[in-house]
N, C-alpha and C. Protein backbone atom coordinates (compact mmCIF):
# COMPACT_ATOMS: atom_id res chain seq x y z
N UNK A 1 -91.77 121.13 228.21
CA UNK A 1 -92.01 121.75 229.24
C UNK A 1 -93.37 122.26 229.38
N UNK A 2 -94.04 122.24 229.88
CA UNK A 2 -95.90 122.12 229.90
C UNK A 2 -95.67 123.60 229.97
N UNK A 3 -97.53 124.20 229.53
CA UNK A 3 -97.62 125.64 230.10
C UNK A 3 -97.59 125.90 231.34
N UNK A 4 -98.20 125.17 232.25
CA UNK A 4 -98.01 125.32 233.53
C UNK A 4 -96.93 125.72 234.36
N UNK A 5 -95.77 124.53 233.58
CA UNK A 5 -94.18 125.23 234.30
C UNK A 5 -93.89 126.12 234.14
N UNK A 6 -94.21 126.70 232.49
CA UNK A 6 -93.69 128.00 231.81
C UNK A 6 -94.09 129.05 232.79
N UNK A 7 -95.93 128.65 232.99
CA UNK A 7 -95.97 130.17 234.20
C UNK A 7 -95.65 130.11 235.57
N UNK A 8 -95.03 128.70 235.89
CA UNK A 8 -94.56 128.95 237.24
C UNK A 8 -93.58 129.48 237.71
N UNK A 9 -92.72 129.26 236.60
CA UNK A 9 -91.43 130.19 236.60
C UNK A 9 -91.37 131.69 236.23
N UNK A 10 -92.15 131.45 235.07
CA UNK A 10 -92.37 133.29 234.75
C UNK A 10 -93.27 134.01 235.68
N UNK A 11 -94.23 133.89 236.86
CA UNK A 11 -94.56 134.24 237.84
C UNK A 11 -93.56 134.54 238.74
N UNK A 12 -92.00 133.55 238.87
CA UNK A 12 -91.35 133.82 239.69
C UNK A 12 -90.28 134.82 239.22
N UNK A 13 -89.77 134.83 237.61
CA UNK A 13 -89.29 136.13 237.29
C UNK A 13 -89.95 137.35 237.28
N UNK A 14 -91.14 137.31 237.26
CA UNK A 14 -92.18 138.60 237.14
C UNK A 14 -91.69 139.00 238.56
N UNK A 15 -92.31 138.42 239.09
CA UNK A 15 -92.97 139.04 241.09
C UNK A 15 -91.83 140.67 241.19
N UNK A 16 -90.82 140.30 241.10
CA UNK A 16 -89.85 141.22 242.11
C UNK A 16 -90.26 142.29 240.95
N UNK A 17 -90.69 142.99 239.73
CA UNK A 17 -91.22 143.73 238.87
C UNK A 17 -92.17 144.68 238.77
N UNK A 18 -93.11 144.08 239.83
CA UNK A 18 -94.85 144.04 239.76
C UNK A 18 -95.27 145.83 240.48
N UNK A 19 -95.85 146.05 239.68
CA UNK A 19 -95.93 146.81 240.95
C UNK A 19 -97.79 147.28 241.48
N UNK A 20 -98.27 146.42 240.48
CA UNK A 20 -99.92 146.46 241.42
C UNK A 20 -99.86 145.22 241.67
N UNK A 21 -99.97 145.11 242.94
CA UNK A 21 -99.86 143.33 243.56
C UNK A 21 -101.28 143.13 243.39
N UNK A 22 -102.79 143.48 243.50
CA UNK A 22 -103.71 142.85 243.34
C UNK A 22 -103.46 142.06 241.54
N UNK A 23 -103.24 142.85 240.98
CA UNK A 23 -103.28 142.46 239.82
C UNK A 23 -102.35 141.25 239.13
N UNK A 24 -101.10 141.03 239.76
CA UNK A 24 -100.19 139.87 239.87
C UNK A 24 -101.27 138.92 241.02
N UNK A 25 -101.83 139.05 241.81
CA UNK A 25 -102.59 137.64 242.44
C UNK A 25 -103.47 137.04 241.48
N UNK A 26 -103.36 137.87 240.56
CA UNK A 26 -104.91 137.20 239.57
C UNK A 26 -104.20 136.59 238.34
N UNK A 27 -102.87 136.97 238.26
CA UNK A 27 -101.86 136.51 236.90
C UNK A 27 -102.64 135.05 236.60
N UNK A 28 -102.68 135.20 234.88
CA UNK A 28 -103.33 134.18 234.22
C UNK A 28 -102.55 134.50 232.56
N UNK A 29 -102.92 133.93 231.96
CA UNK A 29 -102.82 133.74 230.56
C UNK A 29 -103.21 135.04 229.85
N UNK A 30 -103.58 135.59 230.09
CA UNK A 30 -104.28 136.99 229.28
C UNK A 30 -103.87 138.09 230.84
N UNK A 31 -103.07 137.89 231.15
CA UNK A 31 -102.18 139.02 231.99
C UNK A 31 -101.58 139.96 230.87
N UNK A 32 -101.58 140.83 231.05
CA UNK A 32 -100.78 141.68 230.42
C UNK A 32 -99.67 142.79 231.22
N UNK A 33 -98.39 143.08 230.82
CA UNK A 33 -97.72 143.08 231.93
C UNK A 33 -97.58 144.54 232.25
N UNK A 34 -97.80 145.42 231.36
CA UNK A 34 -97.88 146.66 231.33
C UNK A 34 -99.18 147.08 232.19
N UNK A 35 -100.40 146.49 231.23
CA UNK A 35 -101.58 147.09 232.26
C UNK A 35 -101.88 146.58 233.03
N UNK A 36 -102.44 145.34 233.36
CA UNK A 36 -102.63 144.56 234.15
C UNK A 36 -101.86 144.68 235.68
N UNK A 37 -100.20 144.57 234.96
CA UNK A 37 -99.45 144.78 236.42
C UNK A 37 -98.36 145.96 236.79
N UNK A 38 -98.77 146.96 235.84
CA UNK A 38 -97.87 147.79 235.93
C UNK A 38 -96.08 148.11 235.87
N UNK A 39 -95.97 146.88 234.97
CA UNK A 39 -94.19 146.67 234.87
C UNK A 39 -93.69 147.88 233.61
N UNK A 40 -93.16 148.92 234.21
CA UNK A 40 -92.36 149.65 233.38
C UNK A 40 -91.69 148.76 231.99
N UNK A 41 -90.95 149.87 230.99
CA UNK A 41 -90.77 148.95 229.80
C UNK A 41 -89.28 148.72 229.89
N UNK A 42 -88.78 149.27 230.89
CA UNK A 42 -87.18 149.41 231.31
C UNK A 42 -87.41 147.74 232.16
N UNK A 43 -88.38 148.02 232.90
CA UNK A 43 -88.40 146.51 233.49
C UNK A 43 -88.75 145.21 232.70
N UNK A 44 -89.34 145.10 231.86
CA UNK A 44 -89.68 144.84 230.77
C UNK A 44 -88.65 143.94 230.40
N UNK A 45 -87.24 144.54 229.66
CA UNK A 45 -86.16 144.17 229.35
C UNK A 45 -85.17 143.81 230.57
N UNK A 46 -85.20 143.67 231.56
CA UNK A 46 -85.10 142.72 232.90
C UNK A 46 -85.40 141.29 233.05
N UNK A 47 -87.10 141.49 232.87
CA UNK A 47 -87.86 140.24 232.59
C UNK A 47 -87.59 139.40 231.70
N UNK A 48 -87.07 140.08 230.61
CA UNK A 48 -87.05 139.27 228.69
C UNK A 48 -85.49 138.45 229.12
N UNK A 49 -84.48 139.33 229.59
CA UNK A 49 -83.43 138.47 230.04
C UNK A 49 -82.81 137.89 231.29
N UNK A 50 -84.10 137.53 231.88
CA UNK A 50 -84.12 137.10 233.11
C UNK A 50 -84.81 135.70 232.45
N UNK A 51 -85.49 135.72 231.23
CA UNK A 51 -86.46 134.95 230.63
C UNK A 51 -84.97 134.06 229.76
N UNK A 52 -84.42 134.81 229.86
CA UNK A 52 -83.18 133.90 228.35
C UNK A 52 -82.34 133.04 229.77
N UNK A 53 -82.27 133.71 230.39
CA UNK A 53 -81.52 132.84 231.53
C UNK A 53 -82.07 131.20 232.26
N UNK A 54 -83.44 131.95 232.33
CA UNK A 54 -83.66 130.84 233.03
C UNK A 54 -83.82 129.67 232.04
N UNK A 55 -84.44 129.68 231.21
CA UNK A 55 -84.93 128.52 229.58
C UNK A 55 -84.04 128.38 228.81
N UNK A 56 -82.56 129.01 229.13
CA UNK A 56 -81.61 128.94 228.41
C UNK A 56 -81.66 128.90 226.83
N UNK A 57 -82.33 130.24 226.37
CA UNK A 57 -82.78 130.69 224.80
C UNK A 57 -82.31 132.30 225.03
N UNK A 58 -82.59 132.34 223.49
CA UNK A 58 -82.52 133.38 223.29
C UNK A 58 -83.54 133.92 222.33
N UNK A 59 -84.17 135.32 222.56
CA UNK A 59 -84.51 136.19 222.46
C UNK A 59 -84.57 137.41 221.12
N UNK A 60 -84.77 137.43 220.02
CA UNK A 60 -84.49 138.18 218.88
C UNK A 60 -85.59 139.31 219.91
N UNK A 61 -84.96 140.42 218.80
CA UNK A 61 -85.91 141.78 219.03
C UNK A 61 -87.25 141.63 218.37
N UNK A 62 -87.68 141.19 217.68
CA UNK A 62 -89.20 140.89 216.94
C UNK A 62 -90.13 140.11 218.30
N UNK A 63 -88.95 139.04 218.37
CA UNK A 63 -90.13 138.25 219.81
C UNK A 63 -90.44 139.16 220.85
N UNK A 64 -89.09 140.23 221.06
CA UNK A 64 -89.20 140.37 222.42
C UNK A 64 -89.89 141.61 222.34
N UNK A 65 -90.70 142.13 220.89
CA UNK A 65 -91.78 143.20 221.32
C UNK A 65 -93.04 142.69 221.15
N UNK A 66 -93.06 141.23 220.94
CA UNK A 66 -94.44 140.51 221.45
C UNK A 66 -94.60 140.01 222.55
N UNK A 67 -93.88 139.88 223.50
CA UNK A 67 -94.11 139.83 224.77
C UNK A 67 -94.54 141.06 225.84
N UNK A 68 -95.52 140.89 225.71
CA UNK A 68 -96.11 142.33 226.30
C UNK A 68 -97.72 141.00 227.57
N UNK A 69 -97.83 140.57 227.16
CA UNK A 69 -98.85 139.94 228.08
C UNK A 69 -98.11 137.80 228.68
N UNK A 70 -98.73 137.78 229.37
CA UNK A 70 -98.15 136.09 229.45
C UNK A 70 -98.42 135.27 228.86
N UNK A 71 -99.33 135.25 227.55
CA UNK A 71 -99.66 134.43 226.79
C UNK A 71 -98.61 134.41 225.57
N UNK A 72 -98.40 135.97 225.19
CA UNK A 72 -97.30 135.85 223.94
C UNK A 72 -96.34 135.38 224.53
N UNK A 73 -95.40 135.77 225.68
CA UNK A 73 -94.72 135.23 226.07
C UNK A 73 -94.26 133.97 226.28
N UNK A 74 -95.33 132.85 226.79
CA UNK A 74 -95.27 131.74 226.89
C UNK A 74 -95.44 130.99 225.35
N UNK A 75 -95.72 131.49 224.34
CA UNK A 75 -95.41 131.47 223.07
C UNK A 75 -94.41 131.34 222.12
N UNK A 76 -93.52 132.30 223.13
CA UNK A 76 -92.09 133.13 222.41
C UNK A 76 -91.37 131.65 223.10
N UNK A 77 -91.28 131.17 224.31
CA UNK A 77 -90.45 130.46 225.10
C UNK A 77 -90.72 128.92 224.44
N UNK A 78 -92.08 129.10 224.39
CA UNK A 78 -92.05 127.63 223.52
C UNK A 78 -91.92 127.43 222.67
N UNK A 79 -91.70 128.31 221.10
CA UNK A 79 -91.27 128.29 219.94
C UNK A 79 -89.35 128.70 220.00
N UNK A 80 -89.20 129.36 220.70
CA UNK A 80 -87.62 129.01 220.83
C UNK A 80 -86.94 128.07 221.55
N UNK A 81 -87.89 126.95 222.56
CA UNK A 81 -87.15 125.94 223.38
C UNK A 81 -87.69 124.67 221.77
N UNK A 82 -88.51 124.77 221.28
CA UNK A 82 -88.75 123.73 220.02
C UNK A 82 -88.29 124.00 219.17
N UNK A 83 -87.23 124.72 218.94
CA UNK A 83 -86.29 125.95 217.90
C UNK A 83 -85.11 124.57 217.95
């Protein structure tokens, strides 16, 4: 799966939790979920669960803690899919 395909799916997953629509319109690899999109920590857990379902992967706690930006989330998804 390409990075673009992952970003596309991630955008769909993240959209319901976004508090900052302007930040969402500019979503890219450098987007930070908390600072740029104003997603709270409880919703980050929901996003991670949705990512697990969408990509058919299991995310451990160490990986979960890294998933604070689009770039870090892509890296975790790719590493889990390649495992």
